[in-house]
Amino acid sequence: MTTVMITGVSRDLAARFARSLAADPEITVVGVDVVPPRHDLGRAGFVRADIRAPIIAKVIAAHEVEVVVHMAVLASPGRVGGRSSMKEINVIGTMQLLAACQQAAGIRKLVVQGSVSVYGSSPRDPARFTEGMGPRTTLRSGFGKDSVEVESYVRGFARRREDGVVTTLRLAPLMGAGVDSTITSYLALPVVPKVAGFDARLQFLHPADAVEALLTVTRSDLPGTYNVGADDVLLLSQALRRLGRPWVEVPRPAGPLLAGLARRVGFTDISDEQLDVLTYGRVMDCSRFAEAAGWRPSYSSAEALTDWAQALGPGLLAAERADGLVDAAAGLLTGGRADGR
């Protein structure tokens, strides 16, 4: 029986993954986080521990962990009390976890939930980023910088532990029913501010596909770094039309001001880094993982957006709502007569 430790199980994706992995009777799953899980973990166990503290090494030893899946990386500072806390969890937490894994002779595999954010977003970006490419601009702060640092420490660990398998999955932004993120909060606004003169290219990954990708690399040995996302791409304007969301175009220099106002009134937590993504877009080439794992996502970006939209409800300009308004207006103009006479 294999014992797998999953960090960050208080969050939705990690809980889904833990529940799915624990369904295998030959695998013992131990979930770790600083707060109790908010979602059902199925057969998986839970240990309250902080990966930033040395106690994580004791957890690994006590449960004789063989595989570690690191998912305790945060993308939004607003949810943990600010940027400094976010960086401490992401970077210091990863360093402490890797140190614990380095000391544990029984660890034979490390899987890391990475992010598309390592590529940044700029007007000089390629059509699709491959795994060998880097950001076209220097990432000085934010989740992208954290992701780059995390990956650098993971590569160092892989060099030191040549006896093990180390896999990093750079996941596209999650989209689907139940997803609560910066991009979903932005798209759910009654009227969406859109940067004038730009139409960002968006690529999504359904949580069910993210779980399947993580299960694949946990059960099989696929060392290396892989992009994981849907094959198709949506323009921001296309996404807004599908959602029935009206938008107002704002000049690019006003973007940070609007993002700051949105944060203060509690609408959505859009950082400068995320504003760049909503301006220029960002798309990955995911063919390497498809070839290595023989795996394709079940949901396209468009289907993942539809799944999320069905749970959200129609927007102001959704087709069904617009048809109802037209019918109501026609009824008023014709005095309620169906034949219009």
C-alpha atoms as a PDB file:
ATOM      1  CA  MET A   1       0.000   0.000   0.000  1.00  0.00           C
ATOM      2  CA  THR A   2       1.272   3.446  -0.987  1.00  0.00           C
ATOM      3  CA  THR A   3       0.892   6.439   1.333  1.00  0.00           C
ATOM      4  CA  VAL A   4       0.371   9.819  -0.351  1.00  0.00           C
ATOM      5  CA  MET A   5       0.467  13.142   1.491  1.00  0.00           C
ATOM      6  CA  ILE A   6      -1.416  16.065  -0.066  1.00  0.00           C
ATOM      7  CA  THR A   7      -0.815  19.607   1.146  1.00  0.00           C
ATOM      8  CA  GLY A   8      -3.444  22.348   1.036  1.00  0.00           C
ATOM      9  CA  VAL A   9      -6.498  20.072   1.373  1.00  0.00           C
ATOM     10  CA  SER A  10      -8.668  22.842   2.825  1.00  0.00           C
ATOM     11  CA  ARG A  11      -9.056  24.181  -0.719  1.00  0.00           C
ATOM     12  CA  ASP A  12     -11.468  22.829  -3.276  1.00  0.00           C
ATOM     13  CA  LEU A  13      -9.154  21.353  -5.921  1.00  0.00           C
ATOM     14  CA  ALA A  14      -6.919  19.587  -3.394  1.00  0.00           C
ATOM     15  CA  ALA A  15      -9.995  18.184  -1.623  1.00  0.00           C
ATOM     16  CA  ARG A  16     -11.391  16.870  -4.908  1.00  0.00           C
ATOM     17  CA  PHE A  17      -8.081  15.262  -5.717  1.00  0.00           C
ATOM     18  CA  ALA A  18      -7.725  13.723  -2.240  1.00  0.00           C
ATOM     19  CA  ARG A  19     -11.237  12.301  -2.441  1.00  0.00           C
ATOM     20  CA  SER A  20     -10.622  10.773  -5.869  1.00  0.00           C
ATOM     21  CA  LEU A  21      -7.211   9.342  -4.969  1.00  0.00           C
ATOM     22  CA  ALA A  22      -8.484   7.883  -1.689  1.00  0.00           C
ATOM     23  CA  ALA A  23     -11.141   5.917  -3.587  1.00  0.00           C
ATOM     24  CA  ASP A  24      -8.322   3.531  -4.544  1.00  0.00           C
ATOM     25  CA  PRO A  25      -8.146   0.934  -1.724  1.00  0.00           C
ATOM     26  CA  GLU A  26      -4.440   0.387  -2.366  1.00  0.00           C
ATOM     27  CA  ILE A  27      -3.581   4.006  -1.560  1.00  0.00           C
ATOM     28  CA  THR A  28      -3.593   5.663   1.857  1.00  0.00           C
ATOM     29  CA  VAL A  29      -4.112   9.423   1.614  1.00  0.00           C
ATOM     30  CA  VAL A  30      -3.091  11.910   4.305  1.00  0.00           C
ATOM     31  CA  GLY A  31      -4.309  15.476   3.841  1.00  0.00           C
ATOM     32  CA  VAL A  32      -2.397  18.314   5.484  1.00  0.00           C
ATOM     33  CA  ASP A  33      -3.350  21.950   6.066  1.00  0.00           C
ATOM     34  CA  VAL A  34      -3.340  24.618   8.759  1.00  0.00           C
ATOM     35  CA  VAL A  35      -7.156  24.748   8.853  1.00  0.00           C
ATOM     36  CA  PRO A  36      -9.683  21.891   8.731  1.00  0.00           C
ATOM     37  CA  PRO A  37     -10.939  20.962   5.261  1.00  0.00           C
ATOM     38  CA  ARG A  38     -14.126  22.670   4.104  1.00  0.00           C
ATOM     39  CA  HIS A  39     -14.923  19.863   1.663  1.00  0.00           C
ATOM     40  CA  ASP A  40     -15.468  16.120   1.936  1.00  0.00           C
ATOM     41  CA  LEU A  41     -12.198  14.153   1.750  1.00  0.00           C
ATOM     42  CA  GLY A  42     -13.813  10.738   1.382  1.00  0.00           C
ATOM     43  CA  ARG A  43     -11.519   8.020   2.779  1.00  0.00           C
ATOM     44  CA  ALA A  44      -8.602  10.424   3.101  1.00  0.00           C
ATOM     45  CA  GLY A  45      -7.316  11.252   6.561  1.00  0.00           C
ATOM     46  CA  PHE A  46      -6.476  14.747   7.806  1.00  0.00           C
ATOM     47  CA  VAL A  47      -3.594  16.097   9.891  1.00  0.00           C
ATOM     48  CA  ARG A  48      -3.553  19.706  11.008  1.00  0.00           C
ATOM     49  CA  ALA A  49      -0.029  20.910  10.353  1.00  0.00           C
ATOM     50  CA  ASP A  50       1.770  23.892   8.854  1.00  0.00           C
ATOM     51  CA  ILE A  51       4.207  23.138   6.038  1.00  0.00           C
ATOM     52  CA  ARG A  52       6.185  26.217   7.090  1.00  0.00           C
ATOM     53  CA  ALA A  53       7.085  24.544  10.382  1.00  0.00           C
ATOM     54  CA  PRO A  54       9.543  21.685  11.023  1.00  0.00           C
ATOM     55  CA  ILE A  55       6.627  19.542  12.240  1.00  0.00           C
ATOM     56  CA  ILE A  56       5.877  18.610   8.633  1.00  0.00           C
ATOM     57  CA  ALA A  57       8.951  16.338   8.678  1.00  0.00           C
ATOM     58  CA  LYS A  58       7.456  14.485  11.652  1.00  0.00           C
ATOM     59  CA  VAL A  59       4.175  14.023   9.780  1.00  0.00           C
ATOM     60  CA  ILE A  60       6.021  12.507   6.815  1.00  0.00           C
ATOM     61  CA  ALA A  61       7.970  10.153   9.083  1.00  0.00           C
ATOM     62  CA  ALA A  62       5.013   9.150  11.260  1.00  0.00           C
ATOM     63  CA  HIS A  63       2.863   8.159   8.286  1.00  0.00           C
ATOM     64  CA  GLU A  64       5.732   6.674   6.261  1.00  0.00           C
ATOM     65  CA  VAL A  65       4.844   8.868   3.300  1.00  0.00           C
ATOM     66  CA  GLU A  66       6.184   7.770  -0.079  1.00  0.00           C
ATOM     67  CA  VAL A  67       4.552  10.312  -2.404  1.00  0.00           C
ATOM     68  CA  VAL A  68       4.028  14.016  -1.709  1.00  0.00           C
ATOM     69  CA  VAL A  69       1.608  16.108  -3.776  1.00  0.00           C
ATOM     70  CA  HIS A  70       2.181  19.808  -3.041  1.00  0.00           C
ATOM     71  CA  MET A  71      -0.969  21.896  -3.608  1.00  0.00           C
ATOM     72  CA  ALA A  72      -0.622  24.465  -0.810  1.00  0.00           C
ATOM     73  CA  VAL A  73       0.151  27.383  -3.126  1.00  0.00           C
ATOM     74  CA  LEU A  74      -2.061  30.492  -2.997  1.00  0.00           C
ATOM     75  CA  ALA A  75      -2.828  32.763  -5.943  1.00  0.00           C
ATOM     76  CA  SER A  76      -4.659  35.597  -4.174  1.00  0.00           C
ATOM     77  CA  PRO A  77      -3.210  37.686  -1.322  1.00  0.00           C
ATOM     78  CA  GLY A  78      -6.651  38.873  -0.252  1.00  0.00           C
ATOM     79  CA  ARG A  79      -7.546  35.451   1.075  1.00  0.00           C
ATOM     80  CA  VAL A  80      -4.595  35.153   3.478  1.00  0.00           C
ATOM     81  CA  GLY A  81      -4.255  38.666   4.841  1.00  0.00           C
ATOM     82  CA  GLY A  82      -1.914  40.272   2.347  1.00  0.00           C
ATOM     83  CA  ARG A  83       0.995  39.820   0.001  1.00  0.00           C
ATOM     84  CA  SER A  84       3.602  39.083   2.686  1.00  0.00           C
ATOM     85  CA  SER A  85       1.543  36.217   4.130  1.00  0.00           C
ATOM     86  CA  MET A  86       0.935  34.844   0.644  1.00  0.00           C
ATOM     87  CA  LYS A  87       4.650  34.860  -0.180  1.00  0.00           C
ATOM     88  CA  GLU A  88       5.518  33.217   3.128  1.00  0.00           C
ATOM     89  CA  ILE A  89       3.049  30.387   2.488  1.00  0.00           C
ATOM     90  CA  ASN A  90       4.070  29.903  -1.139  1.00  0.00           C
ATOM     91  CA  VAL A  91       7.839  30.252  -0.988  1.00  0.00           C
ATOM     92  CA  ILE A  92       8.859  29.595   2.625  1.00  0.00           C
ATOM     93  CA  GLY A  93       6.285  26.813   2.897  1.00  0.00           C
ATOM     94  CA  THR A  94       7.642  25.120  -0.214  1.00  0.00           C
ATOM     95  CA  MET A  95      11.241  25.431   0.987  1.00  0.00           C
ATOM     96  CA  GLN A  96      10.375  23.859   4.351  1.00  0.00           C
ATOM     97  CA  LEU A  97       8.403  21.055   2.692  1.00  0.00           C
ATOM     98  CA  LEU A  98      11.252  20.254   0.300  1.00  0.00           C
ATOM     99  CA  ALA A  99      13.711  20.216   3.188  1.00  0.00           C
ATOM    100  CA  ALA A 100      11.504  17.685   4.960  1.00  0.00           C
ATOM    101  CA  CYS A 101      11.278  15.565   1.810  1.00  0.00           C
ATOM    102  CA  GLN A 102      15.042  15.754   1.386  1.00  0.00           C
ATOM    103  CA  GLN A 103      15.547  14.235   4.836  1.00  0.00           C
ATOM    104  CA  ALA A 104      12.937  11.496   4.339  1.00  0.00           C
ATOM    105  CA  ALA A 105      14.604   8.513   2.669  1.00  0.00           C
ATOM    106  CA  GLY A 106      11.202   6.932   1.946  1.00  0.00           C
ATOM    107  CA  ILE A 107      10.033   9.703  -0.391  1.00  0.00           C
ATOM    108  CA  ARG A 108      10.145   8.396  -3.953  1.00  0.00           C
ATOM    109  CA  LYS A 109       7.934  10.918  -5.754  1.00  0.00           C
ATOM    110  CA  LEU A 110       7.059  14.615  -5.564  1.00  0.00           C
ATOM    111  CA  VAL A 111       4.207  16.143  -7.573  1.00  0.00           C
ATOM    112  CA  VAL A 112       3.853  19.938  -7.565  1.00  0.00           C
ATOM    113  CA  GLN A 113       0.804  21.926  -8.617  1.00  0.00           C
ATOM    114  CA  GLY A 114       2.389  24.673 -10.687  1.00  0.00           C
ATOM    115  CA  SER A 115       0.739  27.501 -12.580  1.00  0.00           C
ATOM    116  CA  VAL A 116       0.611  29.169 -15.969  1.00  0.00           C
ATOM    117  CA  SER A 117       1.572  32.333 -14.056  1.00  0.00           C
ATOM    118  CA  VAL A 118       5.274  31.462 -14.448  1.00  0.00           C
ATOM    119  CA  TYR A 119       5.005  32.798 -18.018  1.00  0.00           C
ATOM    120  CA  GLY A 120       3.755  36.246 -17.047  1.00  0.00           C
ATOM    121  CA  SER A 121       1.725  38.198 -19.602  1.00  0.00           C
ATOM    122  CA  SER A 122       2.884  40.899 -21.987  1.00  0.00           C
ATOM    123  CA  PRO A 123       2.309  42.181 -25.530  1.00  0.00           C
ATOM    124  CA  ARG A 124       5.494  40.342 -26.614  1.00  0.00           C
ATOM    125  CA  ASP A 125       4.218  36.890 -25.681  1.00  0.00           C
ATOM    126  CA  PRO A 126       4.227  34.035 -28.229  1.00  0.00           C
ATOM    127  CA  ALA A 127       0.967  32.568 -29.510  1.00  0.00           C
ATOM    128  CA  ARG A 128       1.459  29.613 -27.144  1.00  0.00           C
ATOM    129  CA  PHE A 129       4.039  29.090 -24.426  1.00  0.00           C
ATOM    130  CA  THR A 130       5.923  25.799 -24.419  1.00  0.00           C
ATOM    131  CA  GLU A 131       7.556  24.385 -21.299  1.00  0.00           C
ATOM    132  CA  GLY A 132      11.013  25.566 -22.370  1.00  0.00           C
ATOM    133  CA  MET A 133       9.987  29.220 -22.626  1.00  0.00           C
ATOM    134  CA  GLY A 134      10.162  31.857 -19.926  1.00  0.00           C
ATOM    135  CA  PRO A 135       8.333  35.134 -19.299  1.00  0.00           C
ATOM    136  CA  ARG A 136       8.925  37.952 -21.762  1.00  0.00           C
ATOM    137  CA  THR A 137       9.022  40.475 -18.913  1.00  0.00           C
ATOM    138  CA  THR A 138      10.657  40.299 -15.492  1.00  0.00           C
ATOM    139  CA  LEU A 139       8.216  39.149 -12.825  1.00  0.00           C
ATOM    140  CA  ARG A 140       8.961  41.413  -9.866  1.00  0.00           C
ATOM    141  CA  SER A 141       6.046  40.580  -7.572  1.00  0.00           C
ATOM    142  CA  GLY A 142       2.834  38.639  -7.238  1.00  0.00           C
ATOM    143  CA  PHE A 143       1.852  35.044  -7.732  1.00  0.00           C
ATOM    144  CA  GLY A 144       3.882  34.736 -10.932  1.00  0.00           C
ATOM    145  CA  LYS A 145       7.108  35.581  -9.112  1.00  0.00           C
ATOM    146  CA  ASP A 146       6.200  33.124  -6.342  1.00  0.00           C
ATOM    147  CA  SER A 147       5.546  30.408  -8.944  1.00  0.00           C
ATOM    148  CA  VAL A 148       8.948  30.991 -10.561  1.00  0.00           C
ATOM    149  CA  GLU A 149      10.694  30.759  -7.171  1.00  0.00           C
ATOM    150  CA  VAL A 150       8.769  27.625  -6.219  1.00  0.00           C
ATOM    151  CA  GLU A 151       9.768  25.916  -9.462  1.00  0.00           C
ATOM    152  CA  SER A 152      13.412  26.870  -8.994  1.00  0.00           C
ATOM    153  CA  TYR A 153      13.461  25.210  -5.553  1.00  0.00           C
ATOM    154  CA  VAL A 154      11.688  22.145  -6.955  1.00  0.00           C
ATOM    155  CA  ARG A 155      14.310  21.803  -9.709  1.00  0.00           C
ATOM    156  CA  GLY A 156      17.041  22.031  -7.070  1.00  0.00           C
ATOM    157  CA  PHE A 157      15.350  19.277  -5.090  1.00  0.00           C
ATOM    158  CA  ALA A 158      15.144  17.105  -8.223  1.00  0.00           C
ATOM    159  CA  ARG A 159      18.896  17.483  -8.755  1.00  0.00           C
ATOM    160  CA  ARG A 160      19.637  16.506  -5.162  1.00  0.00           C
ATOM    161  CA  ARG A 161      17.243  13.549  -5.129  1.00  0.00           C
ATOM    162  CA  GLU A 162      18.049  11.778  -8.378  1.00  0.00           C
ATOM    163  CA  ASP A 163      16.608   8.579  -6.903  1.00  0.00           C
ATOM    164  CA  GLY A 164      13.075  10.025  -6.997  1.00  0.00           C
ATOM    165  CA  VAL A 165      10.542  11.248  -9.551  1.00  0.00           C
ATOM    166  CA  VAL A 166       9.662  14.961  -9.581  1.00  0.00           C
ATOM    167  CA  THR A 167       6.751  16.254 -11.673  1.00  0.00           C
ATOM    168  CA  THR A 168       5.431  19.801 -11.994  1.00  0.00           C
ATOM    169  CA  LEU A 169       2.082  20.498 -13.674  1.00  0.00           C
ATOM    170  CA  ARG A 170       1.573  24.081 -14.818  1.00  0.00           C
ATOM    171  CA  LEU A 171      -2.203  24.327 -14.681  1.00  0.00           C
ATOM    172  CA  ALA A 172      -4.272  26.783 -16.705  1.00  0.00           C
ATOM    173  CA  PRO A 173      -6.806  28.878 -14.717  1.00  0.00           C
ATOM    174  CA  LEU A 174      -9.575  26.665 -13.362  1.00  0.00           C
ATOM    175  CA  MET A 175     -13.070  27.153 -14.731  1.00  0.00           C
ATOM    176  CA  GLY A 176     -16.195  25.130 -13.994  1.00  0.00           C
ATOM    177  CA  ALA A 177     -19.104  24.749 -11.600  1.00  0.00           C
ATOM    178  CA  GLY A 178     -18.085  25.618  -8.057  1.00  0.00           C
ATOM    179  CA  VAL A 179     -14.850  27.425  -8.980  1.00  0.00           C
ATOM    180  CA  ASP A 180     -14.308  30.611  -6.957  1.00  0.00           C
ATOM    181  CA  SER A 181     -11.330  32.605  -8.189  1.00  0.00           C
ATOM    182  CA  THR A 182     -10.289  36.062  -9.325  1.00  0.00           C
ATOM    183  CA  ILE A 183     -11.238  35.369 -12.941  1.00  0.00           C
ATOM    184  CA  THR A 184     -14.682  34.009 -12.011  1.00  0.00           C
ATOM    185  CA  SER A 185     -15.320  36.994  -9.711  1.00  0.00           C
ATOM    186  CA  TYR A 186     -14.347  39.298 -12.568  1.00  0.00           C
ATOM    187  CA  LEU A 187     -16.570  37.557 -15.121  1.00  0.00           C
ATOM    188  CA  ALA A 188     -19.487  37.547 -12.649  1.00  0.00           C
ATOM    189  CA  LEU A 189     -19.577  41.354 -12.385  1.00  0.00           C
ATOM    190  CA  PRO A 190     -22.922  42.826 -13.553  1.00  0.00           C
ATOM    191  CA  VAL A 191     -21.028  45.082 -15.973  1.00  0.00           C
ATOM    192  CA  VAL A 192     -17.463  44.025 -16.780  1.00  0.00           C
ATOM    193  CA  PRO A 193     -14.702  46.616 -17.334  1.00  0.00           C
ATOM    194  CA  LYS A 194     -12.615  45.644 -20.371  1.00  0.00           C
ATOM    195  CA  VAL A 195      -9.381  47.324 -21.466  1.00  0.00           C
ATOM    196  CA  ALA A 196     -10.016  49.314 -24.643  1.00  0.00           C
ATOM    197  CA  GLY A 197      -8.182  48.138 -27.760  1.00  0.00           C
ATOM    198  CA  PHE A 198      -7.367  44.661 -26.382  1.00  0.00           C
ATOM    199  CA  ASP A 199      -9.156  41.328 -26.456  1.00  0.00           C
ATOM    200  CA  ALA A 200      -7.330  38.889 -24.182  1.00  0.00           C
ATOM    201  CA  ARG A 201      -6.967  35.225 -25.228  1.00  0.00           C
ATOM    202  CA  LEU A 202      -8.156  32.954 -22.434  1.00  0.00           C
ATOM    203  CA  GLN A 203      -7.447  29.270 -21.820  1.00  0.00           C
ATOM    204  CA  PHE A 204      -9.143  27.318 -19.031  1.00  0.00           C
ATOM    205  CA  LEU A 205      -8.964  23.950 -17.293  1.00  0.00           C
ATOM    206  CA  HIS A 206     -11.993  22.244 -15.762  1.00  0.00           C
ATOM    207  CA  PRO A 207     -11.419  21.038 -12.160  1.00  0.00           C
ATOM    208  CA  ALA A 208     -12.398  17.490 -13.161  1.00  0.00           C
ATOM    209  CA  ASP A 209      -9.637  17.517 -15.783  1.00  0.00           C
ATOM    210  CA  ALA A 210      -7.152  19.000 -13.306  1.00  0.00           C
ATOM    211  CA  VAL A 211      -7.914  16.131 -10.920  1.00  0.00           C
ATOM    212  CA  GLU A 212      -7.466  13.565 -13.698  1.00  0.00           C
ATOM    213  CA  ALA A 213      -4.117  15.073 -14.695  1.00  0.00           C
ATOM    214  CA  LEU A 214      -2.931  14.967 -11.075  1.00  0.00           C
ATOM    215  CA  LEU A 215      -4.124  11.362 -10.706  1.00  0.00           C
ATOM    216  CA  THR A 216      -2.237  10.430 -13.868  1.00  0.00           C
ATOM    217  CA  VAL A 217       1.132  11.722 -12.672  1.00  0.00           C
ATOM    218  CA  THR A 218       0.596  10.404  -9.144  1.00  0.00           C
ATOM    219  CA  ARG A 219      -0.075   6.874 -10.363  1.00  0.00           C
ATOM    220  CA  SER A 220       2.535   6.895 -13.150  1.00  0.00           C
ATOM    221  CA  ASP A 221       6.136   8.089 -13.293  1.00  0.00           C
ATOM    222  CA  LEU A 222       6.315  11.144 -15.570  1.00  0.00           C
ATOM    223  CA  PRO A 223       9.256  13.275 -14.446  1.00  0.00           C
ATOM    224  CA  GLY A 224       9.536  16.807 -15.751  1.00  0.00           C
ATOM    225  CA  THR A 225       7.439  19.930 -16.191  1.00  0.00           C
ATOM    226  CA  TYR A 226       4.218  19.936 -18.207  1.00  0.00           C
ATOM    227  CA  ASN A 227       1.624  22.475 -19.315  1.00  0.00           C
ATOM    228  CA  VAL A 228      -1.949  21.334 -18.649  1.00  0.00           C
ATOM    229  CA  GLY A 229      -4.975  23.095 -20.114  1.00  0.00           C
ATOM    230  CA  ALA A 230      -7.733  22.830 -22.681  1.00  0.00           C
ATOM    231  CA  ASP A 231      -6.721  22.891 -26.339  1.00  0.00           C
ATOM    232  CA  ASP A 232      -9.062  25.688 -27.460  1.00  0.00           C
ATOM    233  CA  VAL A 233      -8.879  29.417 -26.756  1.00  0.00           C
ATOM    234  CA  LEU A 234     -11.604  31.991 -26.072  1.00  0.00           C
ATOM    235  CA  LEU A 235     -11.326  35.720 -26.575  1.00  0.00           C
ATOM    236  CA  LEU A 236     -12.476  37.767 -23.598  1.00  0.00           C
ATOM    237  CA  SER A 237     -15.224  39.347 -25.715  1.00  0.00           C
ATOM    238  CA  GLN A 238     -16.421  35.872 -26.748  1.00  0.00           C
ATOM    239  CA  ALA A 239     -16.540  34.764 -23.125  1.00  0.00           C
ATOM    240  CA  LEU A 240     -18.548  37.838 -22.130  1.00  0.00           C
ATOM    241  CA  ARG A 241     -21.026  37.302 -24.970  1.00  0.00           C
ATOM    242  CA  ARG A 242     -21.488  33.661 -23.966  1.00  0.00           C
ATOM    243  CA  LEU A 243     -22.165  34.775 -20.413  1.00  0.00           C
ATOM    244  CA  GLY A 244     -24.513  37.575 -21.456  1.00  0.00           C
ATOM    245  CA  ARG A 245     -22.336  40.063 -19.593  1.00  0.00           C
ATOM    246  CA  PRO A 246     -22.306  43.670 -20.850  1.00  0.00           C
ATOM    247  CA  TRP A 247     -18.923  45.390 -20.727  1.00  0.00           C
ATOM    248  CA  VAL A 248     -17.577  48.905 -20.723  1.00  0.00           C
ATOM    249  CA  GLU A 249     -14.219  49.700 -22.292  1.00  0.00           C
ATOM    250  CA  VAL A 250     -11.720  51.640 -20.201  1.00  0.00           C
ATOM    251  CA  PRO A 251      -8.297  53.020 -21.202  1.00  0.00           C
ATOM    252  CA  ARG A 252      -5.315  50.920 -20.129  1.00  0.00           C
ATOM    253  CA  PRO A 253      -3.867  53.591 -17.778  1.00  0.00           C
ATOM    254  CA  ALA A 254      -7.143  53.586 -15.827  1.00  0.00           C
ATOM    255  CA  GLY A 255      -6.999  49.820 -15.287  1.00  0.00           C
ATOM    256  CA  PRO A 256      -4.995  49.826 -12.007  1.00  0.00           C
ATOM    257  CA  LEU A 257      -7.281  52.540 -10.608  1.00  0.00           C
ATOM    258  CA  LEU A 258     -10.408  50.520 -11.405  1.00  0.00           C
ATOM    259  CA  ALA A 259      -8.817  47.360 -10.001  1.00  0.00           C
ATOM    260  CA  GLY A 260      -8.006  49.212  -6.774  1.00  0.00           C
ATOM    261  CA  LEU A 261     -11.575  50.501  -6.494  1.00  0.00           C
ATOM    262  CA  ALA A 262     -12.916  46.983  -7.093  1.00  0.00           C
ATOM    263  CA  ARG A 263     -10.713  45.631  -4.292  1.00  0.00           C
ATOM    264  CA  ARG A 264     -11.804  48.338  -1.857  1.00  0.00           C
ATOM    265  CA  VAL A 265     -15.529  47.810  -2.414  1.00  0.00           C
ATOM    266  CA  GLY A 266     -15.130  44.033  -2.293  1.00  0.00           C
ATOM    267  CA  PHE A 267     -16.190  43.196  -5.858  1.00  0.00           C
ATOM    268  CA  THR A 268     -13.074  41.296  -6.888  1.00  0.00           C
ATOM    269  CA  ASP A 269      -9.375  41.111  -6.017  1.00  0.00           C
ATOM    270  CA  ILE A 270      -7.596  41.993  -9.278  1.00  0.00           C
ATOM    271  CA  SER A 271      -3.855  42.546  -8.999  1.00  0.00           C
ATOM    272  CA  ASP A 272      -1.694  44.361 -11.557  1.00  0.00           C
ATOM    273  CA  GLU A 273      -0.438  40.952 -12.653  1.00  0.00           C
ATOM    274  CA  GLN A 274      -3.979  39.716 -13.298  1.00  0.00           C
ATOM    275  CA  LEU A 275      -4.851  42.960 -15.046  1.00  0.00           C
ATOM    276  CA  ASP A 276      -2.052  42.205 -17.524  1.00  0.00           C
ATOM    277  CA  VAL A 277      -3.591  38.780 -18.197  1.00  0.00           C
ATOM    278  CA  LEU A 278      -7.012  40.371 -18.792  1.00  0.00           C
ATOM    279  CA  THR A 279      -5.330  42.796 -21.198  1.00  0.00           C
ATOM    280  CA  TYR A 280      -2.908  40.649 -23.194  1.00  0.00           C
ATOM    281  CA  GLY A 281      -4.091  37.123 -22.404  1.00  0.00           C
ATOM    282  CA  ARG A 282      -1.920  34.016 -22.053  1.00  0.00           C
ATOM    283  CA  VAL A 283      -2.067  30.570 -23.707  1.00  0.00           C
ATOM    284  CA  MET A 284       0.009  27.399 -23.270  1.00  0.00           C
ATOM    285  CA  ASP A 285       0.945  24.618 -25.668  1.00  0.00           C
ATOM    286  CA  CYS A 286      -0.147  21.441 -23.847  1.00  0.00           C
ATOM    287  CA  SER A 287       0.887  18.888 -26.471  1.00  0.00           C
ATOM    288  CA  ARG A 288       3.891  17.638 -24.475  1.00  0.00           C
ATOM    289  CA  PHE A 289       1.744  16.332 -21.640  1.00  0.00           C
ATOM    290  CA  ALA A 290      -0.766  14.837 -24.078  1.00  0.00           C
ATOM    291  CA  GLU A 291       2.026  12.870 -25.766  1.00  0.00           C
ATOM    292  CA  ALA A 292       3.781  11.812 -22.550  1.00  0.00           C
ATOM    293  CA  ALA A 293       0.658  10.800 -20.631  1.00  0.00           C
ATOM    294  CA  GLY A 294      -1.665   9.841 -23.473  1.00  0.00           C
ATOM    295  CA  TRP A 295      -4.214  12.181 -21.889  1.00  0.00           C
ATOM    296  CA  ARG A 296      -6.588  14.809 -23.205  1.00  0.00           C
ATOM    297  CA  PRO A 297      -8.941  17.032 -21.205  1.00  0.00           C
ATOM    298  CA  SER A 298     -12.628  16.122 -21.301  1.00  0.00           C
ATOM    299  CA  TYR A 299     -13.721  19.786 -21.281  1.00  0.00           C
ATOM    300  CA  SER A 300     -12.760  22.480 -23.750  1.00  0.00           C
ATOM    301  CA  SER A 301     -12.302  26.045 -22.509  1.00  0.00           C
ATOM    302  CA  ALA A 302     -15.737  26.892 -23.923  1.00  0.00           C
ATOM    303  CA  GLU A 303     -17.370  23.895 -22.223  1.00  0.00           C
ATOM    304  CA  ALA A 304     -15.697  24.691 -18.897  1.00  0.00           C
ATOM    305  CA  LEU A 305     -17.015  28.266 -19.136  1.00  0.00           C
ATOM    306  CA  THR A 306     -20.516  26.967 -19.930  1.00  0.00           C
ATOM    307  CA  ASP A 307     -20.398  24.635 -16.919  1.00  0.00           C
ATOM    308  CA  TRP A 308     -19.521  27.563 -14.661  1.00  0.00           C
ATOM    309  CA  ALA A 309     -22.118  29.830 -16.266  1.00  0.00           C
ATOM    310  CA  GLN A 310     -24.936  27.304 -15.742  1.00  0.00           C
ATOM    311  CA  ALA A 311     -24.236  27.319 -12.020  1.00  0.00           C
ATOM    312  CA  LEU A 312     -23.989  31.126 -11.994  1.00  0.00           C
ATOM    313  CA  GLY A 313     -27.216  31.922 -13.837  1.00  0.00           C
ATOM    314  CA  PRO A 314     -27.872  34.146 -16.895  1.00  0.00           C
ATOM    315  CA  GLY A 315     -26.335  37.573 -17.248  1.00  0.00           C
ATOM    316  CA  LEU A 316     -28.150  40.769 -18.133  1.00  0.00           C
ATOM    317  CA  LEU A 317     -27.722  40.139 -21.857  1.00  0.00           C
ATOM    318  CA  ALA A 318     -28.084  36.344 -21.901  1.00  0.00           C
ATOM    319  CA  ALA A 319     -30.023  35.019 -24.870  1.00  0.00           C
ATOM    320  CA  GLU A 320     -32.944  33.685 -22.815  1.00  0.00           C
ATOM    321  CA  ARG A 321     -33.249  36.941 -20.888  1.00  0.00           C
ATOM    322  CA  ALA A 322     -32.987  39.057 -24.045  1.00  0.00           C
ATOM    323  CA  ASP A 323     -35.707  36.951 -25.721  1.00  0.00           C
ATOM    324  CA  GLY A 324     -37.952  37.493 -22.715  1.00  0.00           C
ATOM    325  CA  LEU A 325     -37.425  41.248 -22.878  1.00  0.00           C
ATOM    326  CA  VAL A 326     -38.208  41.282 -26.595  1.00  0.00           C
ATOM    327  CA  ASP A 327     -41.399  39.276 -26.036  1.00  0.00           C
ATOM    328  CA  ALA A 328     -42.448  41.574 -23.210  1.00  0.00           C
ATOM    329  CA  ALA A 329     -41.819  44.672 -25.331  1.00  0.00           C
ATOM    330  CA  ALA A 330     -43.757  43.173 -28.236  1.00  0.00           C
ATOM    331  CA  GLY A 331     -46.655  42.446 -25.898  1.00  0.00           C
ATOM    332  CA  LEU A 332     -46.738  46.038 -24.732  1.00  0.00           C
ATOM    333  CA  LEU A 333     -46.620  47.392 -28.281  1.00  0.00           C
ATOM    334  CA  THR A 334     -49.391  45.110 -29.530  1.00  0.00           C
ATOM    335  CA  GLY A 335     -51.614  45.433 -26.503  1.00  0.00           C
ATOM    336  CA  GLY A 336     -51.027  41.782 -25.606  1.00  0.00           C
ATOM    337  CA  ARG A 337     -52.417  40.447 -28.916  1.00  0.00           C
ATOM    338  CA  ALA A 338     -50.345  37.459 -30.150  1.00  0.00           C
ATOM    339  CA  ASP A 339     -51.046  38.188 -33.799  1.00  0.00           C
ATOM    340  CA  GLY A 340     -49.724  41.751 -33.491  1.00  0.00           C
ATOM    341  CA  ARG A 341     -52.967  43.328 -34.923  1.00  0.00           C
END
